[in-house]
């Protein structure tokens, strides 16, 4: 279940945001591809935190978006491609994806990526 609320900013514009305290066991996984699922964690309109679980061999297909993204490899091993350059990353490593960079991953060993997006990924909120 996705928890969020509408808050008012000082300029009186509406903004969407998660609750302040979130408990992982209460957030449902969303299947987003073969062997890939995600949990949307804390967010507001400026930033979003997401966990993405990959089975071995699962692919995060090459794509691009206007958001800045930083990702932490929480578990496993991944071949990460950014703008045509591929590197093997493992637990404890991280990577930065500038806006509109073509990127994707191949999960070499079951794992989890923790993504931070700025601004939030509106397309992830239903």
N, C-alpha and C. Protein backbone atom coordinates (compact mmCIF):
# COMPACT_ATOMS: atom_id res chain seq x y z
N UNK A 1 0.84 -1.17 0.00
CA UNK A 1 0.00 0.00 0.00
C UNK A 1 0.89 1.23 0.00
N UNK A 2 0.56 2.22 -0.80
CA UNK A 2 1.34 3.45 -0.92
C UNK A 2 0.72 4.49 0.01
N UNK A 3 1.54 5.07 0.87
CA UNK A 3 1.06 6.06 1.82
C UNK A 3 1.53 7.44 1.38
N UNK A 4 0.58 8.35 1.15
CA UNK A 4 0.96 9.71 0.85
C UNK A 4 -0.16 10.66 1.23
N UNK A 5 0.16 11.93 1.27
CA UNK A 5 -0.84 12.95 1.60
C UNK A 5 -0.51 14.21 0.81
N UNK A 6 -1.47 15.11 0.76
CA UNK A 6 -1.28 16.41 0.12
C UNK A 6 -0.90 17.41 1.20
N UNK A 7 0.15 18.19 0.95
CA UNK A 7 0.55 19.21 1.90
C UNK A 7 0.52 20.56 1.21
N UNK A 8 0.37 21.62 1.97
CA UNK A 8 0.38 22.96 1.40
C UNK A 8 1.75 23.58 1.62
N UNK A 9 2.31 24.14 0.56
CA UNK A 9 3.58 24.84 0.68
C UNK A 9 3.28 26.30 0.99
N UNK A 10 4.28 27.06 1.38
CA UNK A 10 4.08 28.46 1.73
C UNK A 10 3.57 29.27 0.56
N UNK A 11 3.86 28.86 -0.65
CA UNK A 11 3.39 29.60 -1.83
C UNK A 11 1.98 29.15 -2.22
N UNK A 12 1.33 28.32 -1.37
CA UNK A 12 -0.04 27.86 -1.55
C UNK A 12 -0.21 26.87 -2.67
N UNK A 13 0.86 26.37 -3.26
CA UNK A 13 0.75 25.31 -4.25
C UNK A 13 0.61 23.99 -3.52
N UNK A 14 -0.10 23.04 -4.13
CA UNK A 14 -0.23 21.71 -3.54
C UNK A 14 0.97 20.87 -3.92
N UNK A 15 1.34 20.00 -3.01
CA UNK A 15 2.45 19.10 -3.23
C UNK A 15 2.06 17.74 -2.69
N UNK A 16 2.60 16.68 -3.30
CA UNK A 16 2.33 15.34 -2.83
C UNK A 16 3.53 14.88 -2.01
N UNK A 17 3.26 14.15 -0.93
CA UNK A 17 4.36 13.68 -0.08
C UNK A 17 3.95 12.41 0.64
N UNK A 18 4.93 11.61 0.98
CA UNK A 18 4.69 10.42 1.78
C UNK A 18 4.45 10.83 3.23
N UNK A 19 4.05 9.86 4.03
CA UNK A 19 3.99 10.09 5.46
C UNK A 19 5.42 10.31 5.95
N UNK A 20 5.56 10.85 7.15
CA UNK A 20 6.89 11.10 7.69
C UNK A 20 7.59 9.83 8.14
N UNK A 21 6.84 8.88 8.70
CA UNK A 21 7.42 7.63 9.15
C UNK A 21 6.82 6.50 8.33
N UNK A 22 7.69 5.68 7.75
CA UNK A 22 7.26 4.57 6.91
C UNK A 22 7.94 3.30 7.41
N UNK A 23 7.19 2.22 7.42
CA UNK A 23 7.69 0.94 7.89
C UNK A 23 7.69 -0.04 6.74
N UNK A 24 8.89 -0.53 6.39
CA UNK A 24 9.08 -1.36 5.21
C UNK A 24 8.11 -2.51 5.09
N UNK A 25 7.81 -3.18 6.21
CA UNK A 25 6.92 -4.33 6.14
C UNK A 25 5.48 -3.94 5.80
N UNK A 26 5.15 -2.67 5.92
CA UNK A 26 3.80 -2.20 5.59
C UNK A 26 3.68 -1.75 4.13
N UNK A 27 4.80 -1.63 3.43
CA UNK A 27 4.78 -1.16 2.05
C UNK A 27 4.83 -2.37 1.12
N UNK A 28 3.90 -2.44 0.21
CA UNK A 28 3.81 -3.56 -0.73
C UNK A 28 4.83 -3.42 -1.86
N UNK A 29 5.36 -4.55 -2.30
CA UNK A 29 6.21 -4.58 -3.48
C UNK A 29 5.32 -4.47 -4.71
N UNK A 30 5.78 -3.77 -5.72
CA UNK A 30 5.09 -3.64 -7.01
C UNK A 30 5.97 -4.33 -8.06
N UNK A 31 5.41 -5.32 -8.75
CA UNK A 31 6.17 -6.00 -9.81
C UNK A 31 6.24 -5.05 -11.00
N UNK A 32 7.47 -4.81 -11.49
CA UNK A 32 7.66 -3.86 -12.58
C UNK A 32 8.35 -4.48 -13.79
N UNK A 33 8.65 -5.77 -13.72
CA UNK A 33 9.28 -6.47 -14.83
C UNK A 33 9.57 -7.90 -14.40
N UNK A 34 10.05 -8.68 -15.33
CA UNK A 34 10.37 -10.07 -15.02
C UNK A 34 11.55 -10.12 -14.05
N UNK A 35 11.29 -10.60 -12.84
CA UNK A 35 12.34 -10.68 -11.82
C UNK A 35 12.68 -9.35 -11.18
N UNK A 36 11.83 -8.34 -11.35
CA UNK A 36 12.10 -7.00 -10.81
C UNK A 36 10.85 -6.49 -10.10
N UNK A 37 11.05 -5.99 -8.87
CA UNK A 37 9.95 -5.37 -8.14
C UNK A 37 10.49 -4.19 -7.34
N UNK A 38 9.60 -3.24 -7.03
CA UNK A 38 10.05 -2.04 -6.31
C UNK A 38 9.10 -1.68 -5.18
N UNK A 39 9.68 -0.98 -4.21
CA UNK A 39 8.94 -0.38 -3.11
C UNK A 39 9.22 1.11 -3.15
N UNK A 40 8.17 1.90 -3.26
CA UNK A 40 8.33 3.35 -3.18
C UNK A 40 8.34 3.71 -1.71
N UNK A 41 9.40 4.35 -1.27
CA UNK A 41 9.56 4.70 0.14
C UNK A 41 9.20 6.17 0.34
N UNK A 42 10.00 6.92 1.01
CA UNK A 42 9.70 8.31 1.33
C UNK A 42 9.87 9.21 0.10
N UNK A 43 9.03 10.24 0.02
CA UNK A 43 9.11 11.17 -1.11
C UNK A 43 8.32 12.44 -0.85
N UNK A 44 8.66 13.47 -1.60
CA UNK A 44 7.82 14.64 -1.83
C UNK A 44 8.06 15.05 -3.27
N UNK A 45 7.59 16.20 -3.67
CA UNK A 45 7.72 16.54 -5.08
C UNK A 45 9.16 16.81 -5.52
N UNK A 46 10.09 16.96 -4.56
CA UNK A 46 11.48 17.28 -4.91
C UNK A 46 12.41 16.08 -4.89
N UNK A 47 12.04 15.00 -4.17
CA UNK A 47 12.95 13.87 -3.99
C UNK A 47 12.14 12.60 -3.74
N UNK A 48 12.71 11.45 -4.13
CA UNK A 48 12.03 10.17 -3.93
C UNK A 48 13.06 9.09 -3.65
N UNK A 49 12.74 8.21 -2.69
CA UNK A 49 13.58 7.07 -2.33
C UNK A 49 12.84 5.79 -2.68
N UNK A 50 13.51 4.89 -3.42
CA UNK A 50 12.88 3.67 -3.92
C UNK A 50 13.84 2.50 -3.76
N UNK A 51 13.34 1.36 -3.28
CA UNK A 51 14.11 0.12 -3.29
C UNK A 51 13.66 -0.71 -4.47
N UNK A 52 14.62 -1.28 -5.21
CA UNK A 52 14.31 -2.12 -6.37
C UNK A 52 15.04 -3.45 -6.18
N UNK A 53 14.25 -4.53 -6.12
CA UNK A 53 14.78 -5.88 -5.95
C UNK A 53 14.91 -6.55 -7.31
N UNK A 54 16.04 -7.25 -7.54
CA UNK A 54 16.30 -7.95 -8.79
C UNK A 54 16.66 -9.40 -8.51
N UNK A 55 16.04 -10.32 -9.23
CA UNK A 55 16.49 -11.70 -9.23
C UNK A 55 17.71 -11.79 -10.14
N UNK A 56 18.55 -12.80 -9.93
CA UNK A 56 19.70 -13.01 -10.80
C UNK A 56 19.24 -13.12 -12.25
N UNK A 57 19.89 -12.38 -13.13
CA UNK A 57 19.55 -12.39 -14.55
C UNK A 57 18.51 -11.36 -14.96
N UNK A 58 17.85 -10.74 -13.99
CA UNK A 58 16.83 -9.73 -14.31
C UNK A 58 17.51 -8.48 -14.90
N UNK A 59 16.74 -7.80 -15.74
CA UNK A 59 17.27 -6.65 -16.47
C UNK A 59 16.45 -5.41 -16.17
N UNK A 60 17.14 -4.33 -15.88
CA UNK A 60 16.56 -3.00 -15.87
C UNK A 60 16.92 -2.42 -17.23
N UNK A 61 15.97 -2.46 -18.16
CA UNK A 61 16.24 -2.10 -19.56
C UNK A 61 16.79 -0.68 -19.70
N UNK A 62 17.60 -0.49 -20.74
CA UNK A 62 18.13 0.84 -21.04
C UNK A 62 16.97 1.82 -21.21
N UNK A 63 17.09 2.98 -20.58
CA UNK A 63 16.07 4.02 -20.65
C UNK A 63 16.71 5.35 -20.24
N UNK A 64 15.94 6.41 -20.32
CA UNK A 64 16.39 7.72 -19.86
C UNK A 64 15.21 8.48 -19.31
N UNK A 65 15.48 9.46 -18.47
CA UNK A 65 14.46 10.33 -17.90
C UNK A 65 15.12 11.64 -17.50
N UNK A 66 14.29 12.65 -17.25
CA UNK A 66 14.83 13.98 -16.94
C UNK A 66 15.28 14.12 -15.49
N UNK A 67 15.04 13.12 -14.67
CA UNK A 67 15.40 13.17 -13.26
C UNK A 67 16.89 12.90 -13.05
N UNK A 68 17.47 13.54 -12.05
CA UNK A 68 18.79 13.16 -11.56
C UNK A 68 18.57 11.92 -10.70
N UNK A 69 19.48 10.95 -10.79
CA UNK A 69 19.34 9.72 -10.02
C UNK A 69 20.68 9.36 -9.39
N UNK A 70 20.65 8.98 -8.13
CA UNK A 70 21.80 8.37 -7.47
C UNK A 70 21.32 7.04 -6.92
N UNK A 71 22.17 6.02 -7.03
CA UNK A 71 21.77 4.67 -6.64
C UNK A 71 22.86 4.03 -5.79
N UNK A 72 22.43 3.36 -4.74
CA UNK A 72 23.30 2.62 -3.84
C UNK A 72 23.02 1.13 -4.04
N UNK A 73 24.07 0.34 -4.20
CA UNK A 73 23.92 -1.10 -4.33
C UNK A 73 23.84 -1.67 -2.91
N UNK A 74 22.62 -1.98 -2.48
CA UNK A 74 22.39 -2.46 -1.12
C UNK A 74 22.75 -3.93 -0.97
N UNK A 75 22.62 -4.68 -2.07
CA UNK A 75 22.91 -6.12 -2.04
C UNK A 75 23.14 -6.59 -3.47
N UNK A 76 23.98 -7.60 -3.65
CA UNK A 76 24.16 -8.24 -4.95
C UNK A 76 25.25 -7.63 -5.80
N UNK A 77 25.22 -8.03 -7.09
CA UNK A 77 26.18 -7.54 -8.10
C UNK A 77 25.41 -7.20 -9.37
N UNK A 78 25.79 -6.09 -9.98
CA UNK A 78 25.10 -5.58 -11.15
C UNK A 78 26.09 -5.10 -12.19
N UNK A 79 25.81 -5.37 -13.46
CA UNK A 79 26.47 -4.69 -14.56
C UNK A 79 25.64 -3.44 -14.82
N UNK A 80 26.24 -2.29 -14.59
CA UNK A 80 25.54 -1.02 -14.72
C UNK A 80 26.08 -0.30 -15.94
N UNK A 81 25.18 0.11 -16.83
CA UNK A 81 25.57 0.84 -18.04
C UNK A 81 25.02 2.25 -17.96
N UNK A 82 25.90 3.23 -18.16
CA UNK A 82 25.51 4.64 -18.21
C UNK A 82 26.18 5.24 -19.43
N UNK A 83 25.37 5.74 -20.35
CA UNK A 83 25.87 6.36 -21.59
C UNK A 83 26.90 5.49 -22.31
N UNK A 84 26.60 4.19 -22.41
CA UNK A 84 27.43 3.28 -23.18
C UNK A 84 28.63 2.70 -22.44
N UNK A 85 28.86 3.10 -21.21
CA UNK A 85 29.96 2.58 -20.41
C UNK A 85 29.38 1.63 -19.36
N UNK A 86 29.93 0.40 -19.29
CA UNK A 86 29.43 -0.60 -18.35
C UNK A 86 30.50 -0.93 -17.32
N UNK A 87 30.09 -0.96 -16.05
CA UNK A 87 30.96 -1.32 -14.94
C UNK A 87 30.22 -2.32 -14.05
N UNK A 88 30.97 -3.23 -13.43
CA UNK A 88 30.42 -4.16 -12.45
C UNK A 88 30.42 -3.47 -11.09
N UNK A 89 29.25 -3.40 -10.45
CA UNK A 89 29.16 -2.81 -9.12
C UNK A 89 28.62 -3.86 -8.16
N UNK A 90 29.06 -3.78 -6.92
CA UNK A 90 28.67 -4.74 -5.89
C UNK A 90 28.17 -4.00 -4.66
N UNK A 91 27.71 -4.78 -3.69
CA UNK A 91 27.20 -4.23 -2.44
C UNK A 91 28.16 -3.18 -1.88
N UNK A 92 27.61 -2.02 -1.54
CA UNK A 92 28.41 -0.93 -1.00
C UNK A 92 28.82 0.10 -2.02
N UNK A 93 28.71 -0.23 -3.32
CA UNK A 93 29.06 0.72 -4.38
C UNK A 93 27.85 1.61 -4.69
N UNK A 94 28.08 2.66 -5.45
CA UNK A 94 26.99 3.54 -5.86
C UNK A 94 27.30 4.14 -7.22
N UNK A 95 26.28 4.74 -7.82
CA UNK A 95 26.48 5.40 -9.10
C UNK A 95 25.54 6.59 -9.24
N UNK A 96 25.94 7.51 -10.13
CA UNK A 96 25.21 8.75 -10.39
C UNK A 96 24.77 8.76 -11.85
N UNK A 97 23.52 9.12 -12.08
CA UNK A 97 22.99 9.20 -13.45
C UNK A 97 22.47 10.62 -13.67
N UNK A 98 23.12 11.38 -14.54
CA UNK A 98 22.64 12.73 -14.82
C UNK A 98 21.35 12.68 -15.64
N UNK A 99 20.60 13.77 -15.65
CA UNK A 99 19.37 13.82 -16.44
C UNK A 99 19.63 13.43 -17.90
N UNK A 100 18.73 12.65 -18.46
CA UNK A 100 18.70 12.22 -19.86
C UNK A 100 19.83 11.26 -20.25
N UNK A 101 20.61 10.78 -19.29
CA UNK A 101 21.63 9.77 -19.60
C UNK A 101 20.94 8.43 -19.83
N UNK A 102 21.35 7.73 -20.88
CA UNK A 102 20.79 6.40 -21.16
C UNK A 102 21.47 5.42 -20.21
N UNK A 103 20.65 4.67 -19.47
CA UNK A 103 21.20 3.78 -18.45
C UNK A 103 20.33 2.54 -18.25
N UNK A 104 20.94 1.51 -17.69
CA UNK A 104 20.23 0.28 -17.38
C UNK A 104 21.15 -0.64 -16.59
N UNK A 105 20.57 -1.74 -16.09
CA UNK A 105 21.35 -2.69 -15.30
C UNK A 105 21.02 -4.12 -15.69
N UNK A 106 21.98 -5.00 -15.45
CA UNK A 106 21.80 -6.44 -15.52
C UNK A 106 22.20 -6.98 -14.16
N UNK A 107 21.32 -7.72 -13.51
CA UNK A 107 21.62 -8.28 -12.20
C UNK A 107 22.42 -9.57 -12.37
N UNK A 108 23.66 -9.55 -11.93
CA UNK A 108 24.55 -10.69 -12.04
C UNK A 108 24.38 -11.63 -10.85
N UNK A 109 24.07 -11.05 -9.70
CA UNK A 109 23.83 -11.82 -8.46
C UNK A 109 22.68 -11.15 -7.74
N UNK A 110 21.65 -11.93 -7.38
CA UNK A 110 20.44 -11.39 -6.73
C UNK A 110 20.78 -10.21 -5.84
N UNK A 111 19.98 -9.16 -5.96
CA UNK A 111 20.30 -7.99 -5.17
C UNK A 111 19.23 -6.93 -5.11
N UNK A 112 19.60 -5.83 -4.48
CA UNK A 112 18.69 -4.70 -4.33
C UNK A 112 19.44 -3.40 -4.55
N UNK A 113 18.80 -2.52 -5.30
CA UNK A 113 19.31 -1.17 -5.51
C UNK A 113 18.42 -0.20 -4.75
N UNK A 114 19.02 0.82 -4.16
CA UNK A 114 18.27 1.88 -3.52
C UNK A 114 18.48 3.13 -4.35
N UNK A 115 17.39 3.59 -4.97
CA UNK A 115 17.43 4.74 -5.87
C UNK A 115 16.93 6.00 -5.18
N UNK A 116 17.58 7.12 -5.48
CA UNK A 116 17.10 8.44 -5.08
C UNK A 116 16.93 9.24 -6.35
N UNK A 117 15.73 9.82 -6.53
CA UNK A 117 15.43 10.62 -7.70
C UNK A 117 15.12 12.06 -7.29
N UNK A 118 15.56 13.00 -8.13
CA UNK A 118 15.18 14.39 -7.95
C UNK A 118 14.91 15.00 -9.32
N UNK A 119 13.73 15.59 -9.52
CA UNK A 119 12.59 15.55 -8.61
C UNK A 119 12.01 14.14 -8.53
N UNK A 120 10.94 13.99 -7.74
CA UNK A 120 10.32 12.68 -7.59
C UNK A 120 9.87 12.14 -8.94
N UNK A 121 9.73 10.83 -9.04
CA UNK A 121 9.23 10.18 -10.25
C UNK A 121 7.70 10.16 -10.19
N UNK A 122 7.10 11.15 -10.80
CA UNK A 122 5.64 11.23 -10.82
C UNK A 122 5.01 10.00 -11.44
N UNK A 123 5.73 9.41 -12.43
CA UNK A 123 5.21 8.24 -13.12
C UNK A 123 5.16 7.01 -12.21
N UNK A 124 5.82 7.04 -11.06
CA UNK A 124 5.77 5.91 -10.13
C UNK A 124 4.54 5.98 -9.22
N UNK A 125 3.95 7.15 -9.10
CA UNK A 125 2.79 7.34 -8.22
C UNK A 125 1.52 7.14 -9.03
N UNK A 126 0.68 6.26 -8.54
CA UNK A 126 -0.58 5.96 -9.25
C UNK A 126 -1.76 6.51 -8.51
